[in-house]
Amino acid sequence: MGKIPNMEEYMNYMKTVDTMKDDIYRYLNFNEIQSFREISGTS
């Protein structure tokens, strides 16, 4: 964008992020991702 969005622009963008919330949260659980556990040595 190159600028700070106004409230309307931000809310429109967040609608698309909200549809991915289950996947986004899942990817933040690095301890549950096998490839990350192998690299970190905690598998």
PDB file of N, CA and C in Angstrom:
ATOM      1  N   MET A   1       0.821  -1.197   0.000  1.00  0.00           N
ATOM      2  CA  MET A   1       0.000   0.000   0.000  1.00  0.00           C
ATOM      3  C   MET A   1       0.863   1.259   0.000  1.00  0.00           C
ATOM      4  N   GLY A   2       1.891   1.296   0.815  1.00  0.00           N
ATOM      5  CA  GLY A   2       2.741   2.467   0.860  1.00  0.00           C
ATOM      6  C   GLY A   2       2.215   3.566   1.759  1.00  0.00           C
ATOM      7  N   LYS A   3       1.148   3.301   2.493  1.00  0.00           N
ATOM      8  CA  LYS A   3       0.585   4.299   3.410  1.00  0.00           C
ATOM      9  C   LYS A   3      -0.164   3.578   4.516  1.00  0.00           C
ATOM     10  N   ILE A   4      -0.437   4.280   5.570  1.00  0.00           N
ATOM     11  CA  ILE A   4      -1.248   3.708   6.648  1.00  0.00           C
ATOM     12  C   ILE A   4      -2.702   3.734   6.185  1.00  0.00           C
ATOM     13  N   PRO A   5      -3.363   2.585   6.212  1.00  0.00           N
ATOM     14  CA  PRO A   5      -4.751   2.550   5.729  1.00  0.00           C
ATOM     15  C   PRO A   5      -5.696   3.252   6.700  1.00  0.00           C
ATOM     16  N   ASN A   6      -6.773   3.775   6.135  1.00  0.00           N
ATOM     17  CA  ASN A   6      -7.803   4.333   7.010  1.00  0.00           C
ATOM     18  C   ASN A   6      -8.633   3.161   7.550  1.00  0.00           C
ATOM     19  N   MET A   7      -9.546   3.441   8.421  1.00  0.00           N
ATOM     20  CA  MET A   7     -10.316   2.390   9.084  1.00  0.00           C
ATOM     21  C   MET A   7     -11.054   1.498   8.084  1.00  0.00           C
ATOM     22  N   GLU A   8     -11.670   2.077   7.083  1.00  0.00           N
ATOM     23  CA  GLU A   8     -12.420   1.303   6.088  1.00  0.00           C
ATOM     24  C   GLU A   8     -11.495   0.360   5.318  1.00  0.00           C
ATOM     25  N   GLU A   9     -10.341   0.868   4.882  1.00  0.00           N
ATOM     26  CA  GLU A   9      -9.381   0.041   4.153  1.00  0.00           C
ATOM     27  C   GLU A   9      -8.876  -1.107   5.033  1.00  0.00           C
ATOM     28  N   TYR A  10      -8.572  -0.778   6.270  1.00  0.00           N
ATOM     29  CA  TYR A  10      -8.080  -1.786   7.205  1.00  0.00           C
ATOM     30  C   TYR A  10      -9.120  -2.885   7.442  1.00  0.00           C
ATOM     31  N   MET A  11     -10.351  -2.501   7.681  1.00  0.00           N
ATOM     32  CA  MET A  11     -11.405  -3.482   7.944  1.00  0.00           C
ATOM     33  C   MET A  11     -11.654  -4.359   6.715  1.00  0.00           C
ATOM     34  N   ASN A  12     -11.590  -3.795   5.509  1.00  0.00           N
ATOM     35  CA  ASN A  12     -11.744  -4.594   4.296  1.00  0.00           C
ATOM     36  C   ASN A  12     -10.617  -5.614   4.174  1.00  0.00           C
ATOM     37  N   TYR A  13      -9.398  -5.197   4.482  1.00  0.00           N
ATOM     38  CA  TYR A  13      -8.257  -6.119   4.439  1.00  0.00           C
ATOM     39  C   TYR A  13      -8.413  -7.222   5.486  1.00  0.00           C
ATOM     40  N   MET A  14      -8.856  -6.869   6.677  1.00  0.00           N
ATOM     41  CA  MET A  14      -8.976  -7.842   7.755  1.00  0.00           C
ATOM     42  C   MET A  14     -10.062  -8.877   7.475  1.00  0.00           C
ATOM     43  N   LYS A  15     -11.021  -8.561   6.641  1.00  0.00           N
ATOM     44  CA  LYS A  15     -12.035  -9.553   6.261  1.00  0.00           C
ATOM     45  C   LYS A  15     -11.386 -10.742   5.576  1.00  0.00           C
ATOM     46  N   THR A  16     -10.386 -10.493   4.730  1.00  0.00           N
ATOM     47  CA  THR A  16      -9.717 -11.596   4.042  1.00  0.00           C
ATOM     48  C   THR A  16      -8.811 -12.359   4.998  1.00  0.00           C
ATOM     49  N   VAL A  17      -8.178 -11.677   5.925  1.00  0.00           N
ATOM     50  CA  VAL A  17      -7.326 -12.347   6.907  1.00  0.00           C
ATOM     51  C   VAL A  17      -8.184 -13.209   7.832  1.00  0.00           C
ATOM     52  N   ASP A  18      -9.356 -12.708   8.195  1.00  0.00           N
ATOM     53  CA  ASP A  18     -10.237 -13.439   9.108  1.00  0.00           C
ATOM     54  C   ASP A  18     -10.662 -14.784   8.536  1.00  0.00           C
ATOM     55  N   THR A  19     -10.766 -14.885   7.219  1.00  0.00           N
ATOM     56  CA  THR A  19     -11.166 -16.166   6.624  1.00  0.00           C
ATOM     57  C   THR A  19     -10.044 -17.191   6.714  1.00  0.00           C
ATOM     58  N   MET A  20      -8.827 -16.741   6.989  1.00  0.00           N
ATOM     59  CA  MET A  20      -7.680 -17.640   7.091  1.00  0.00           C
ATOM     60  C   MET A  20      -7.242 -17.856   8.537  1.00  0.00           C
ATOM     61  N   LYS A  21      -8.030 -17.395   9.505  1.00  0.00           N
ATOM     62  CA  LYS A  21      -7.584 -17.386  10.895  1.00  0.00           C
ATOM     63  C   LYS A  21      -7.227 -18.769  11.426  1.00  0.00           C
ATOM     64  N   ASP A  22      -7.939 -19.804  11.031  1.00  0.00           N
ATOM     65  CA  ASP A  22      -7.622 -21.142  11.531  1.00  0.00           C
ATOM     66  C   ASP A  22      -6.264 -21.615  11.018  1.00  0.00           C
ATOM     67  N   ASP A  23      -5.957 -21.331   9.757  1.00  0.00           N
ATOM     68  CA  ASP A  23      -4.662 -21.714   9.197  1.00  0.00           C
ATOM     69  C   ASP A  23      -3.533 -20.878   9.778  1.00  0.00           C
ATOM     70  N   ILE A  24      -3.770 -19.580   9.944  1.00  0.00           N
ATOM     71  CA  ILE A  24      -2.732 -18.703  10.490  1.00  0.00           C
ATOM     72  C   ILE A  24      -2.388 -19.143  11.900  1.00  0.00           C
ATOM     73  N   TYR A  25      -3.379 -19.391  12.715  1.00  0.00           N
ATOM     74  CA  TYR A  25      -3.120 -19.806  14.093  1.00  0.00           C
ATOM     75  C   TYR A  25      -2.379 -21.139  14.118  1.00  0.00           C
ATOM     76  N   ARG A  26      -2.744 -22.035  13.252  1.00  0.00           N
ATOM     77  CA  ARG A  26      -2.102 -23.348  13.210  1.00  0.00           C
ATOM     78  C   ARG A  26      -0.621 -23.206  12.907  1.00  0.00           C
ATOM     79  N   TYR A  27      -0.276 -22.303  12.005  1.00  0.00           N
ATOM     80  CA  TYR A  27       1.130 -22.125  11.648  1.00  0.00           C
ATOM     81  C   TYR A  27       1.928 -21.432  12.735  1.00  0.00           C
ATOM     82  N   LEU A  28       1.280 -20.797  13.690  1.00  0.00           N
ATOM     83  CA  LEU A  28       1.998 -20.178  14.796  1.00  0.00           C
ATOM     84  C   LEU A  28       2.366 -21.199  15.870  1.00  0.00           C
ATOM     85  N   ASN A  29       1.816 -22.384  15.802  1.00  0.00           N
ATOM     86  CA  ASN A  29       2.141 -23.450  16.752  1.00  0.00           C
ATOM     87  C   ASN A  29       3.338 -24.238  16.238  1.00  0.00           C
ATOM     88  N   PHE A  30       4.504 -23.599  16.258  1.00  0.00           N
ATOM     89  CA  PHE A  30       5.695 -24.212  15.686  1.00  0.00           C
ATOM     90  C   PHE A  30       6.023 -25.549  16.345  1.00  0.00           C
ATOM     91  N   ASN A  31       5.705 -25.696  17.606  1.00  0.00           N
ATOM     92  CA  ASN A  31       5.996 -26.951  18.303  1.00  0.00           C
ATOM     93  C   ASN A  31       5.191 -28.120  17.746  1.00  0.00           C
ATOM     94  N   GLU A  32       4.153 -27.850  16.966  1.00  0.00           N
ATOM     95  CA  GLU A  32       3.337 -28.905  16.385  1.00  0.00           C
ATOM     96  C   GLU A  32       3.714 -29.206  14.935  1.00  0.00           C
ATOM     97  N   ILE A  33       4.634 -28.442  14.362  1.00  0.00           N
ATOM     98  CA  ILE A  33       5.041 -28.644  12.977  1.00  0.00           C
ATOM     99  C   ILE A  33       6.275 -29.540  12.977  1.00  0.00           C
ATOM    100  N   GLN A  34       6.135 -30.727  12.394  1.00  0.00           N
ATOM    101  CA  GLN A  34       7.193 -31.736  12.440  1.00  0.00           C
ATOM    102  C   GLN A  34       8.516 -31.223  11.887  1.00  0.00           C
ATOM    103  N   SER A  35       8.502 -30.510  10.768  1.00  0.00           N
ATOM    104  CA  SER A  35       9.751 -30.034  10.172  1.00  0.00           C
ATOM    105  C   SER A  35      10.461 -29.051  11.109  1.00  0.00           C
ATOM    106  N   PHE A  36       9.709 -28.231  11.811  1.00  0.00           N
ATOM    107  CA  PHE A  36      10.316 -27.293  12.769  1.00  0.00           C
ATOM    108  C   PHE A  36      10.903 -28.065  13.942  1.00  0.00           C
ATOM    109  N   ARG A  37      10.194 -29.070  14.408  1.00  0.00           N
ATOM    110  CA  ARG A  37      10.679 -29.856  15.538  1.00  0.00           C
ATOM    111  C   ARG A  37      11.970 -30.586  15.174  1.00  0.00           C
ATOM    112  N   GLU A  38      12.070 -31.068  13.950  1.00  0.00           N
ATOM    113  CA  GLU A  38      13.292 -31.755  13.526  1.00  0.00           C
ATOM    114  C   GLU A  38      14.475 -30.784  13.494  1.00  0.00           C
ATOM    115  N   ILE A  39      14.257 -29.583  12.972  1.00  0.00           N
ATOM    116  CA  ILE A  39      15.322 -28.594  12.891  1.00  0.00           C
ATOM    117  C   ILE A  39      15.749 -28.141  14.288  1.00  0.00           C
ATOM    118  N   SER A  40      14.777 -27.977  15.175  1.00  0.00           N
ATOM    119  CA  SER A  40      15.098 -27.477  16.509  1.00  0.00           C
ATOM    120  C   SER A  40      15.654 -28.564  17.424  1.00  0.00           C
ATOM    121  N   GLY A  41      15.558 -29.825  16.992  1.00  0.00           N
ATOM    122  CA  GLY A  41      16.080 -30.922  17.795  1.00  0.00           C
ATOM    123  C   GLY A  41      15.150 -31.359  18.914  1.00  0.00           C
ATOM    124  N   THR A  42      13.862 -31.044  18.790  1.00  0.00           N
ATOM    125  CA  THR A  42      12.894 -31.413  19.824  1.00  0.00           C
ATOM    126  C   THR A  42      11.895 -32.458  19.337  1.00  0.00           C
ATOM    127  N   SER A  43      12.243 -33.166  18.275  1.00  0.00           N
ATOM    128  CA  SER A  43      11.284 -34.137  17.729  1.00  0.00           C
ATOM    129  C   SER A  43      11.268 -35.416  18.513  1.00  0.00           C
TER     130      SER A  43
END
